[in-house]
């Protein structure tokens, strides 16, 4: 995976190459309907590449990337499309909206789906630290709770099928026995 600096450089170079080719073949792109649609598509690629450049630039300088970057990249692409043909502006906008949706969908599936895994890993690290430091040694997994033969039958129902009530009862029993042991030692 490319870093921010190299991604910024490659997107800038690709932007200049596509824009140069689009301006060189401006007459050809405006000659027919299909070439006009192709001109709008190449301008939407300029949108995607300039969005990559602006986003990497903002992240490298410590700013948060937001909708402002999308609007600036879209304006740049629409200006480039307007130099070819006026229909290219419309097709560029439509293709850019599709590319933006696909880009967000890719982001959502890659980064937002990985968040619960990170949270689970953090919980696991926390529980290991508690056990190593002498903290709570209560079993954390569902399978460890179900294998315990001393559990009483489910007494209350809830989202966990009543297991929380069993754990509360066992905690109360331990507390009572600890208090009884402490009072009997006096």
N, C-alpha and C. Protein backbone atom coordinates (compact mmCIF):
# COMPACT_ATOMS: atom_id res chain seq x y z
N UNK A 1 0.85 -1.17 0.00
CA UNK A 1 0.00 0.00 0.00
C UNK A 1 0.89 1.24 0.00
N UNK A 2 0.56 2.20 -0.82
CA UNK A 2 1.36 3.42 -0.95
C UNK A 2 1.10 4.33 0.24
N UNK A 3 2.17 5.07 0.61
CA UNK A 3 2.03 6.03 1.69
C UNK A 3 1.36 7.30 1.19
N UNK A 4 1.15 8.26 2.11
CA UNK A 4 0.46 9.49 1.74
C UNK A 4 1.26 10.30 0.73
N UNK A 5 2.56 10.40 0.94
CA UNK A 5 3.38 11.21 0.05
C UNK A 5 3.43 10.66 -1.36
N UNK A 6 3.66 9.36 -1.48
CA UNK A 6 3.73 8.77 -2.82
C UNK A 6 2.36 8.75 -3.49
N UNK A 7 1.30 8.52 -2.73
CA UNK A 7 -0.03 8.55 -3.30
C UNK A 7 -0.38 9.95 -3.79
N UNK A 8 0.04 10.96 -3.04
CA UNK A 8 -0.19 12.33 -3.45
C UNK A 8 0.56 12.64 -4.74
N UNK A 9 1.80 12.19 -4.84
CA UNK A 9 2.61 12.42 -6.03
C UNK A 9 2.01 11.71 -7.25
N UNK A 10 1.65 10.44 -7.09
CA UNK A 10 1.09 9.69 -8.21
C UNK A 10 -0.24 10.26 -8.66
N UNK A 11 -1.07 10.68 -7.73
CA UNK A 11 -2.36 11.25 -8.13
C UNK A 11 -2.16 12.58 -8.85
N UNK A 12 -1.19 13.38 -8.43
CA UNK A 12 -0.91 14.63 -9.13
C UNK A 12 -0.41 14.38 -10.55
N UNK A 13 0.51 13.42 -10.69
CA UNK A 13 1.02 13.10 -12.02
C UNK A 13 -0.08 12.54 -12.92
N UNK A 14 -0.90 11.66 -12.39
CA UNK A 14 -2.00 11.09 -13.17
C UNK A 14 -3.01 12.16 -13.55
N UNK A 15 -3.26 13.10 -12.64
CA UNK A 15 -4.17 14.20 -12.93
C UNK A 15 -3.66 15.03 -14.10
N UNK A 16 -2.37 15.38 -14.08
CA UNK A 16 -1.82 16.20 -15.16
C UNK A 16 -1.82 15.44 -16.49
N UNK A 17 -1.55 14.14 -16.48
CA UNK A 17 -1.55 13.35 -17.71
C UNK A 17 -2.96 13.27 -18.29
N UNK A 18 -3.96 12.96 -17.47
CA UNK A 18 -5.33 12.85 -17.97
C UNK A 18 -5.85 14.20 -18.45
N UNK A 19 -5.57 15.26 -17.71
CA UNK A 19 -6.02 16.59 -18.12
C UNK A 19 -5.35 17.00 -19.43
N UNK A 20 -4.07 16.71 -19.56
CA UNK A 20 -3.36 17.05 -20.81
C UNK A 20 -3.93 16.29 -21.99
N UNK A 21 -4.17 14.99 -21.82
CA UNK A 21 -4.74 14.20 -22.91
C UNK A 21 -6.16 14.66 -23.25
N UNK A 22 -6.91 15.04 -22.24
CA UNK A 22 -8.26 15.52 -22.48
C UNK A 22 -8.24 16.82 -23.27
N UNK A 23 -7.30 17.70 -22.96
CA UNK A 23 -7.22 18.97 -23.69
C UNK A 23 -6.67 18.78 -25.10
N UNK A 24 -5.76 17.83 -25.29
CA UNK A 24 -5.22 17.56 -26.62
C UNK A 24 -6.32 17.01 -27.53
N UNK A 25 -7.13 16.09 -27.01
CA UNK A 25 -8.18 15.46 -27.80
C UNK A 25 -9.55 16.11 -27.58
N UNK A 26 -9.57 17.38 -27.24
CA UNK A 26 -10.81 18.10 -26.98
C UNK A 26 -11.75 18.08 -28.18
N UNK A 27 -11.22 18.30 -29.36
CA UNK A 27 -12.04 18.30 -30.58
C UNK A 27 -12.65 16.94 -30.85
N UNK A 28 -11.87 15.89 -30.66
CA UNK A 28 -12.38 14.52 -30.88
C UNK A 28 -13.46 14.18 -29.85
N UNK A 29 -13.26 14.58 -28.59
CA UNK A 29 -14.24 14.26 -27.54
C UNK A 29 -15.55 15.01 -27.74
N UNK A 30 -15.52 16.15 -28.41
CA UNK A 30 -16.74 16.92 -28.64
C UNK A 30 -17.40 16.59 -29.96
N UNK A 31 -16.84 15.64 -30.73
CA UNK A 31 -17.33 15.39 -32.08
C UNK A 31 -18.62 14.57 -32.14
N UNK A 32 -18.87 13.65 -31.22
CA UNK A 32 -20.08 12.84 -31.26
C UNK A 32 -20.64 12.65 -29.85
N UNK A 33 -21.84 12.06 -29.80
CA UNK A 33 -22.49 11.85 -28.50
C UNK A 33 -21.68 10.92 -27.60
N UNK A 34 -21.23 9.82 -28.16
CA UNK A 34 -20.50 8.83 -27.36
C UNK A 34 -19.16 9.39 -26.88
N UNK A 35 -18.49 10.15 -27.71
CA UNK A 35 -17.24 10.75 -27.28
C UNK A 35 -17.47 11.84 -26.23
N UNK A 36 -18.62 12.51 -26.30
CA UNK A 36 -18.95 13.51 -25.28
C UNK A 36 -19.17 12.83 -23.93
N UNK A 37 -19.83 11.68 -23.95
CA UNK A 37 -20.01 10.91 -22.71
C UNK A 37 -18.66 10.43 -22.19
N UNK A 38 -17.78 10.01 -23.12
CA UNK A 38 -16.43 9.61 -22.72
C UNK A 38 -15.66 10.78 -22.10
N UNK A 39 -15.86 11.98 -22.64
CA UNK A 39 -15.24 13.18 -22.07
C UNK A 39 -15.71 13.44 -20.65
N UNK A 40 -17.01 13.22 -20.40
CA UNK A 40 -17.53 13.36 -19.03
C UNK A 40 -16.96 12.32 -18.09
N UNK A 41 -16.77 11.09 -18.63
CA UNK A 41 -16.19 10.04 -17.79
C UNK A 41 -14.74 10.34 -17.44
N UNK A 42 -13.96 10.82 -18.41
CA UNK A 42 -12.55 11.17 -18.10
C UNK A 42 -12.49 12.33 -17.11
N UNK A 43 -13.44 13.25 -17.20
CA UNK A 43 -13.48 14.33 -16.21
C UNK A 43 -13.85 13.81 -14.83
N UNK A 44 -14.70 12.78 -14.77
CA UNK A 44 -15.02 12.21 -13.46
C UNK A 44 -13.82 11.46 -12.89
N UNK A 45 -12.98 10.91 -13.76
CA UNK A 45 -11.73 10.32 -13.27
C UNK A 45 -10.83 11.41 -12.69
N UNK A 46 -10.86 12.59 -13.31
CA UNK A 46 -10.13 13.72 -12.74
C UNK A 46 -10.67 14.07 -11.35
N UNK A 47 -11.99 13.97 -11.18
CA UNK A 47 -12.59 14.19 -9.86
C UNK A 47 -12.04 13.21 -8.83
N UNK A 48 -12.01 11.93 -9.18
CA UNK A 48 -11.55 10.91 -8.25
C UNK A 48 -10.07 11.10 -7.91
N UNK A 49 -9.28 11.42 -8.89
CA UNK A 49 -7.84 11.60 -8.67
C UNK A 49 -7.57 12.87 -7.87
N UNK A 50 -8.29 13.95 -8.18
CA UNK A 50 -8.08 15.18 -7.40
C UNK A 50 -8.60 15.01 -5.98
N UNK A 51 -9.65 14.22 -5.78
CA UNK A 51 -10.12 13.94 -4.43
C UNK A 51 -9.07 13.16 -3.64
N UNK A 52 -8.42 12.22 -4.30
CA UNK A 52 -7.33 11.49 -3.64
C UNK A 52 -6.20 12.43 -3.26
N UNK A 53 -5.83 13.32 -4.16
CA UNK A 53 -4.74 14.27 -3.87
C UNK A 53 -5.11 15.19 -2.71
N UNK A 54 -6.31 15.77 -2.76
CA UNK A 54 -6.72 16.71 -1.71
C UNK A 54 -6.83 15.99 -0.36
N UNK A 55 -7.41 14.79 -0.36
CA UNK A 55 -7.53 14.04 0.89
C UNK A 55 -6.19 13.69 1.49
N UNK A 56 -5.24 13.25 0.66
CA UNK A 56 -3.90 12.93 1.17
C UNK A 56 -3.18 14.18 1.65
N UNK A 57 -3.38 15.29 0.96
CA UNK A 57 -2.75 16.54 1.37
C UNK A 57 -3.30 16.99 2.73
N UNK A 58 -4.61 16.90 2.90
CA UNK A 58 -5.20 17.29 4.18
C UNK A 58 -4.75 16.39 5.32
N UNK A 59 -4.69 15.09 5.07
CA UNK A 59 -4.24 14.16 6.11
C UNK A 59 -2.77 14.38 6.45
N UNK A 60 -1.95 14.69 5.45
CA UNK A 60 -0.53 14.91 5.70
C UNK A 60 -0.30 16.20 6.49
N UNK A 61 -1.16 17.19 6.28
CA UNK A 61 -0.99 18.45 7.00
C UNK A 61 -1.75 18.47 8.33
N UNK A 62 -2.40 17.37 8.68
CA UNK A 62 -3.04 17.26 9.99
C UNK A 62 -4.48 17.74 10.04
N UNK A 63 -5.05 18.07 8.90
CA UNK A 63 -6.45 18.50 8.88
C UNK A 63 -7.34 17.28 8.63
N UNK A 64 -8.59 17.41 9.06
CA UNK A 64 -9.55 16.33 8.85
C UNK A 64 -10.20 16.49 7.48
N UNK A 65 -10.30 15.39 6.75
CA UNK A 65 -10.91 15.42 5.43
C UNK A 65 -12.42 15.33 5.57
N UNK A 66 -13.13 16.14 4.80
CA UNK A 66 -14.58 16.14 4.88
C UNK A 66 -15.21 16.43 3.54
N UNK A 67 -16.42 16.97 3.58
CA UNK A 67 -17.16 17.25 2.35
C UNK A 67 -16.56 18.40 1.57
N UNK A 68 -15.80 19.26 2.22
CA UNK A 68 -15.15 20.36 1.50
C UNK A 68 -14.22 19.86 0.42
N UNK A 69 -13.50 18.78 0.72
CA UNK A 69 -12.60 18.20 -0.28
C UNK A 69 -13.39 17.66 -1.47
N UNK A 70 -14.55 17.08 -1.21
CA UNK A 70 -15.39 16.54 -2.29
C UNK A 70 -15.88 17.66 -3.18
N UNK A 71 -16.31 18.75 -2.57
CA UNK A 71 -16.84 19.88 -3.35
C UNK A 71 -15.74 20.51 -4.19
N UNK A 72 -14.56 20.72 -3.62
CA UNK A 72 -13.45 21.31 -4.37
C UNK A 72 -13.04 20.41 -5.53
N UNK A 73 -12.95 19.10 -5.28
CA UNK A 73 -12.59 18.17 -6.35
C UNK A 73 -13.65 18.15 -7.44
N UNK A 74 -14.91 18.25 -7.07
CA UNK A 74 -15.99 18.26 -8.07
C UNK A 74 -15.94 19.53 -8.91
N UNK A 75 -15.67 20.65 -8.28
CA UNK A 75 -15.57 21.91 -9.02
C UNK A 75 -14.41 21.85 -10.02
N UNK A 76 -13.29 21.31 -9.59
CA UNK A 76 -12.14 21.16 -10.50
C UNK A 76 -12.51 20.29 -11.69
N UNK A 77 -13.17 19.17 -11.43
CA UNK A 77 -13.55 18.26 -12.52
C UNK A 77 -14.58 18.89 -13.45
N UNK A 78 -15.53 19.64 -12.90
CA UNK A 78 -16.54 20.27 -13.75
C UNK A 78 -15.95 21.38 -14.61
N UNK A 79 -14.97 22.10 -14.09
CA UNK A 79 -14.28 23.10 -14.90
C UNK A 79 -13.51 22.44 -16.03
N UNK A 80 -12.84 21.33 -15.72
CA UNK A 80 -12.13 20.61 -16.78
C UNK A 80 -13.10 20.06 -17.82
N UNK A 81 -14.28 19.60 -17.39
CA UNK A 81 -15.28 19.08 -18.33
C UNK A 81 -15.87 20.20 -19.18
N UNK A 82 -15.98 21.39 -18.62
CA UNK A 82 -16.56 22.49 -19.38
C UNK A 82 -15.66 22.96 -20.52
N UNK A 83 -14.39 22.66 -20.46
CA UNK A 83 -13.50 23.04 -21.56
C UNK A 83 -13.68 22.14 -22.77
N UNK A 84 -14.31 20.96 -22.60
CA UNK A 84 -14.52 20.04 -23.71
C UNK A 84 -15.87 20.30 -24.37
N UNK A 85 -16.95 20.18 -23.60
CA UNK A 85 -18.30 20.34 -24.15
C UNK A 85 -19.25 20.55 -22.98
N UNK A 86 -20.36 21.24 -23.22
CA UNK A 86 -21.27 21.51 -22.11
C UNK A 86 -22.00 20.27 -21.63
N UNK A 87 -22.18 19.27 -22.49
CA UNK A 87 -22.80 18.02 -22.07
C UNK A 87 -21.84 17.23 -21.17
N UNK A 88 -20.55 17.44 -21.35
CA UNK A 88 -19.56 16.77 -20.50
C UNK A 88 -19.72 17.17 -19.04
N UNK A 89 -20.23 18.36 -18.79
CA UNK A 89 -20.43 18.81 -17.41
C UNK A 89 -21.47 17.91 -16.73
N UNK A 90 -22.57 17.66 -17.41
CA UNK A 90 -23.63 16.83 -16.84
C UNK A 90 -23.16 15.39 -16.64
N UNK A 91 -22.54 14.83 -17.68
CA UNK A 91 -22.08 13.44 -17.56
C UNK A 91 -20.97 13.31 -16.53
N UNK A 92 -20.12 14.33 -16.43
CA UNK A 92 -19.07 14.31 -15.39
C UNK A 92 -19.70 14.29 -14.01
N UNK A 93 -20.73 15.10 -13.80
CA UNK A 93 -21.38 15.14 -12.49
C UNK A 93 -22.01 13.79 -12.15
N UNK A 94 -22.68 13.18 -13.13
CA UNK A 94 -23.33 11.89 -12.89
C UNK A 94 -22.31 10.78 -12.63
N UNK A 95 -21.27 10.72 -13.44
CA UNK A 95 -20.24 9.72 -13.22
C UNK A 95 -19.51 9.96 -11.89
N UNK A 96 -19.30 11.22 -11.53
CA UNK A 96 -18.63 11.53 -10.26
C UNK A 96 -19.46 11.08 -9.06
N UNK A 97 -20.79 11.27 -9.18
CA UNK A 97 -21.67 10.82 -8.09
C UNK A 97 -21.59 9.30 -7.95
N UNK A 98 -21.56 8.59 -9.07
CA UNK A 98 -21.42 7.13 -9.01
C UNK A 98 -20.09 6.69 -8.43
N UNK A 99 -19.02 7.36 -8.84
CA UNK A 99 -17.69 7.02 -8.31
C UNK A 99 -17.59 7.34 -6.82
N UNK A 100 -18.20 8.44 -6.41
CA UNK A 100 -18.19 8.80 -4.99
C UNK A 100 -18.95 7.77 -4.17
N UNK A 101 -20.09 7.30 -4.68
CA UNK A 101 -20.85 6.27 -3.98
C UNK A 101 -20.03 4.98 -3.87
N UNK A 102 -19.40 4.57 -4.95
CA UNK A 102 -18.58 3.35 -4.92
C UNK A 102 -17.38 3.51 -4.00
N UNK A 103 -16.78 4.69 -3.98
CA UNK A 103 -15.64 4.93 -3.11
C UNK A 103 -16.06 4.85 -1.64
N UNK A 104 -17.20 5.44 -1.31
CA UNK A 104 -17.69 5.37 0.06
C UNK A 104 -18.08 3.95 0.44
N UNK A 105 -18.68 3.22 -0.50
CA UNK A 105 -19.06 1.84 -0.24
C UNK A 105 -17.82 0.99 0.03
N UNK A 106 -16.77 1.24 -0.73
CA UNK A 106 -15.50 0.53 -0.50
C UNK A 106 -14.92 0.88 0.87
N UNK A 107 -14.96 2.17 1.23
CA UNK A 107 -14.47 2.61 2.52
C UNK A 107 -15.26 1.96 3.65
N UNK A 108 -16.58 1.92 3.50
CA UNK A 108 -17.44 1.37 4.54
C UNK A 108 -17.16 -0.12 4.75
N UNK A 109 -17.01 -0.85 3.65
CA UNK A 109 -16.79 -2.29 3.79
C UNK A 109 -15.40 -2.60 4.31
N UNK A 110 -14.43 -1.75 4.03
CA UNK A 110 -13.06 -2.05 4.44
C UNK A 110 -12.76 -1.55 5.84
N UNK A 111 -13.12 -0.33 6.18
CA UNK A 111 -12.70 0.26 7.44
C UNK A 111 -13.74 0.19 8.53
N UNK A 112 -15.01 0.38 8.20
CA UNK A 112 -16.02 0.36 9.25
C UNK A 112 -16.35 -1.05 9.71
N UNK A 113 -16.17 -2.03 8.85
CA UNK A 113 -16.42 -3.42 9.25
C UNK A 113 -15.31 -3.93 10.15
N UNK A 114 -14.12 -3.35 10.08
CA UNK A 114 -13.00 -3.81 10.89
C UNK A 114 -13.03 -3.23 12.31
N UNK A 115 -13.87 -2.24 12.57
CA UNK A 115 -13.90 -1.60 13.87
C UNK A 115 -14.32 -2.54 14.99
N UNK A 116 -15.39 -3.35 14.86
CA UNK A 116 -15.75 -4.25 15.96
C UNK A 116 -14.64 -5.25 16.29
N UNK A 117 -13.87 -5.67 15.31
CA UNK A 117 -12.76 -6.59 15.57
C UNK A 117 -11.73 -5.91 16.46
N UNK A 118 -11.44 -4.64 16.19
CA UNK A 118 -10.49 -3.91 17.02
C UNK A 118 -11.01 -3.77 18.45
N UNK A 119 -12.31 -3.51 18.58
CA UNK A 119 -12.90 -3.40 19.92
C UNK A 119 -12.79 -4.72 20.67
N UNK A 120 -13.04 -5.84 19.98
CA UNK A 120 -12.93 -7.15 20.62
C UNK A 120 -11.49 -7.43 21.05
N UNK A 121 -10.53 -7.06 20.22
CA UNK A 121 -9.14 -7.27 20.59
C UNK A 121 -8.78 -6.43 21.81
N UNK A 122 -9.30 -5.20 21.89
CA UNK A 122 -9.02 -4.35 23.04
C UNK A 122 -9.65 -4.94 24.31
N UNK A 123 -10.86 -5.46 24.22
CA UNK A 123 -11.48 -6.10 25.37
C UNK A 123 -10.68 -7.31 25.83
N UNK A 124 -10.18 -8.08 24.87
CA UNK A 124 -9.38 -9.25 25.21
C UNK A 124 -8.10 -8.84 25.92
N UNK A 125 -7.43 -7.79 25.41
CA UNK A 125 -6.21 -7.31 26.07
C UNK A 125 -6.52 -6.81 27.47
N UNK A 126 -7.64 -6.12 27.65
CA UNK A 126 -8.02 -5.62 28.97
C UNK A 126 -8.28 -6.76 29.94
N UNK A 127 -8.99 -7.79 29.49
CA UNK A 127 -9.27 -8.90 30.39
C UNK A 127 -7.99 -9.67 30.73
N UNK A 128 -7.07 -9.77 29.78
CA UNK A 128 -5.79 -10.43 30.09
C UNK A 128 -5.01 -9.63 31.13
N UNK A 129 -5.05 -8.28 31.00
CA UNK A 129 -4.35 -7.45 31.98
C UNK A 129 -4.98 -7.62 33.36
N UNK A 130 -6.31 -7.72 33.42
CA UNK A 130 -6.98 -7.89 34.71
C UNK A 130 -6.58 -9.21 35.35
N UNK A 131 -6.52 -10.27 34.58
CA UNK A 131 -6.16 -11.58 35.12
C UNK A 131 -4.71 -11.58 35.58
N UNK A 132 -3.83 -10.99 34.78
CA UNK A 132 -2.40 -10.97 35.14
C UNK A 132 -2.14 -10.11 36.37
N UNK A 133 -2.96 -9.06 36.57
CA UNK A 133 -2.73 -8.18 37.71
C UNK A 133 -3.49 -8.64 38.95
N UNK A 134 -4.16 -9.79 38.88
CA UNK A 134 -4.88 -10.30 40.04
C UNK A 134 -6.29 -9.78 40.11
N UNK A 135 -6.78 -9.22 39.04
CA UNK A 135 -8.14 -8.69 39.01
C UNK A 135 -9.15 -9.80 38.86
N UNK A 136 -10.20 -9.52 38.20
CA UNK A 136 -11.29 -10.48 38.02
C UNK A 136 -10.82 -11.67 37.19
N UNK A 137 -11.11 -12.88 37.71
CA UNK A 137 -10.76 -14.09 36.96
C UNK A 137 -12.00 -14.80 36.46
N UNK A 138 -13.12 -14.10 36.44
CA UNK A 138 -14.37 -14.66 35.94
C UNK A 138 -14.20 -15.03 34.47
N UNK A 139 -14.67 -16.18 34.07
CA UNK A 139 -14.54 -16.56 32.65
C UNK A 139 -15.25 -15.56 31.75
N UNK A 140 -14.61 -15.21 30.66
CA UNK A 140 -15.15 -14.20 29.76
C UNK A 140 -15.95 -14.81 28.61
N UNK A 141 -15.71 -16.05 28.30
CA UNK A 141 -16.34 -16.59 27.10
C UNK A 141 -17.64 -17.31 27.45
N UNK A 142 -18.49 -17.40 26.49
CA UNK A 142 -19.77 -18.06 26.65
C UNK A 142 -19.56 -19.54 26.94
N UNK A 143 -18.62 -20.18 26.27
CA UNK A 143 -18.41 -21.61 26.44
C UNK A 143 -17.92 -21.94 27.85
N UNK A 144 -17.12 -21.07 28.45
CA UNK A 144 -16.64 -21.33 29.81
C UNK A 144 -17.79 -21.28 30.81
N UNK A 145 -18.77 -20.41 30.57
CA UNK A 145 -19.91 -20.32 31.47
C UNK A 145 -20.81 -21.54 31.34
N UNK A 146 -20.98 -22.03 30.16
CA UNK A 146 -21.91 -23.14 29.98
C UNK A 146 -21.32 -24.45 30.44
N UNK A 147 -19.99 -24.55 30.54
CA UNK A 147 -19.37 -25.79 30.98
C UNK A 147 -19.35 -25.92 32.50
N UNK A 148 -19.66 -24.88 33.22
CA UNK A 148 -19.60 -24.89 34.68
C UNK A 148 -20.78 -25.69 35.23
N UNK A 149 -20.52 -26.85 35.91
CA UNK A 149 -21.63 -27.68 36.38
C UNK A 149 -22.33 -27.11 37.62
N UNK A 150 -21.74 -26.14 38.29
CA UNK A 150 -22.35 -25.61 39.51
C UNK A 150 -23.38 -24.53 39.25
N UNK A 151 -23.59 -24.17 38.00
CA UNK A 151 -24.56 -23.12 37.72
C UNK A 151 -25.97 -23.60 38.01
N UNK A 152 -26.76 -22.71 38.59
CA UNK A 152 -28.17 -22.99 38.83
C UNK A 152 -28.94 -22.80 37.53
N UNK A 153 -30.13 -23.34 37.46
CA UNK A 153 -30.93 -23.11 36.25
C UNK A 153 -31.24 -21.63 36.07
N UNK A 154 -31.57 -21.25 34.87
CA UNK A 154 -31.85 -19.84 34.57
C UNK A 154 -33.03 -19.36 35.40
N UNK A 155 -32.84 -18.24 36.08
CA UNK A 155 -33.89 -17.71 36.94
C UNK A 155 -34.55 -16.48 36.35
N UNK A 156 -33.88 -15.77 35.48
CA UNK A 156 -34.51 -14.64 34.82
C UNK A 156 -34.18 -14.69 33.35
N UNK A 157 -34.97 -14.01 32.59
CA UNK A 157 -34.74 -14.03 31.15
C UNK A 157 -34.30 -12.66 30.71
N UNK A 158 -33.57 -12.65 29.66
CA UNK A 158 -33.07 -11.40 29.10
C UNK A 158 -32.47 -11.69 27.75
N UNK A 159 -31.67 -10.77 27.26
CA UNK A 159 -31.04 -10.95 25.95
C UNK A 159 -30.07 -12.11 25.95
N UNK A 160 -29.49 -12.43 27.10
CA UNK A 160 -28.50 -13.51 27.16
C UNK A 160 -29.12 -14.84 27.56
N UNK A 161 -30.43 -14.94 27.60
CA UNK A 161 -31.09 -16.19 27.92
C UNK A 161 -31.07 -16.52 29.40
N UNK A 162 -30.85 -15.54 30.25
CA UNK A 162 -30.89 -15.77 31.68
C UNK A 162 -29.55 -16.00 32.33
N UNK A 163 -28.48 -16.01 31.58
CA UNK A 163 -27.17 -16.29 32.15
C UNK A 163 -26.68 -15.17 33.07
N UNK A 164 -27.10 -13.93 32.78
CA UNK A 164 -26.68 -12.82 33.63
C UNK A 164 -27.25 -12.98 35.04
N UNK A 165 -28.51 -13.47 35.12
CA UNK A 165 -29.10 -13.68 36.44
C UNK A 165 -28.35 -14.73 37.23
N UNK A 166 -27.89 -15.77 36.56
CA UNK A 166 -27.11 -16.82 37.22
C UNK A 166 -25.81 -16.25 37.75
N UNK A 167 -25.15 -15.43 36.93
CA UNK A 167 -23.89 -14.85 37.39
C UNK A 167 -24.11 -13.90 38.56
N UNK A 168 -25.21 -13.14 38.53
CA UNK A 168 -25.50 -12.25 39.66
C UNK A 168 -25.74 -13.05 40.94
N UNK A 169 -26.46 -14.16 40.81
CA UNK A 169 -26.71 -15.01 41.99
C UNK A 169 -25.40 -15.56 42.54
N UNK A 170 -24.53 -16.03 41.67
CA UNK A 170 -23.24 -16.57 42.14
C UNK A 170 -22.41 -15.49 42.81
N UNK A 171 -22.46 -14.24 42.26
CA UNK A 171 -21.71 -13.15 42.88
C UNK A 171 -22.27 -12.82 44.26
N UNK A 172 -23.60 -12.84 44.39
CA UNK A 172 -24.20 -12.58 45.69
C UNK A 172 -23.84 -13.66 46.69
N UNK A 173 -23.83 -14.93 46.23
CA UNK A 173 -23.44 -16.03 47.12
C UNK A 173 -22.00 -15.89 47.58
N UNK A 174 -21.12 -15.52 46.65
CA UNK A 174 -19.71 -15.33 47.03
C UNK A 174 -19.57 -14.19 48.02
N UNK A 175 -20.33 -13.13 47.80
CA UNK A 175 -20.26 -11.98 48.72
C UNK A 175 -20.75 -12.38 50.11
N UNK A 176 -21.87 -13.12 50.17
CA UNK A 176 -22.39 -13.58 51.46
C UNK A 176 -21.39 -14.49 52.16
N UNK A 177 -20.78 -15.40 51.40
CA UNK A 177 -19.82 -16.31 52.04
C UNK A 177 -18.57 -15.56 52.48
N UNK A 178 -18.15 -14.55 51.73
CA UNK A 178 -16.98 -13.78 52.15
C UNK A 178 -17.28 -12.98 53.42
N UNK A 179 -18.50 -12.43 53.50
CA UNK A 179 -18.89 -11.68 54.70
C UNK A 179 -18.99 -12.63 55.89
N UNK A 180 -19.55 -13.82 55.64
CA UNK A 180 -19.68 -14.80 56.74
C UNK A 180 -18.29 -15.26 57.18
N UNK A 181 -17.36 -15.50 56.28
CA UNK A 181 -16.00 -15.89 56.66
C UNK A 181 -15.31 -14.78 57.43
N UNK A 182 -15.51 -13.53 57.01
CA UNK A 182 -14.88 -12.43 57.69
C UNK A 182 -15.44 -12.23 59.09
N UNK A 183 -16.76 -12.36 59.24
CA UNK A 183 -17.38 -12.18 60.56
C UNK A 183 -17.07 -13.36 61.49
N UNK A 184 -16.90 -14.56 60.94
CA UNK A 184 -16.59 -15.70 61.79
C UNK A 184 -15.12 -15.71 62.23
N UNK A 185 -14.26 -15.02 61.49
CA UNK A 185 -12.84 -14.99 61.89
C UNK A 185 -12.61 -14.04 63.03
N UNK A 186 -13.55 -13.16 63.37
CA UNK A 186 -13.40 -12.22 64.49
C UNK A 186 -13.62 -12.85 65.81
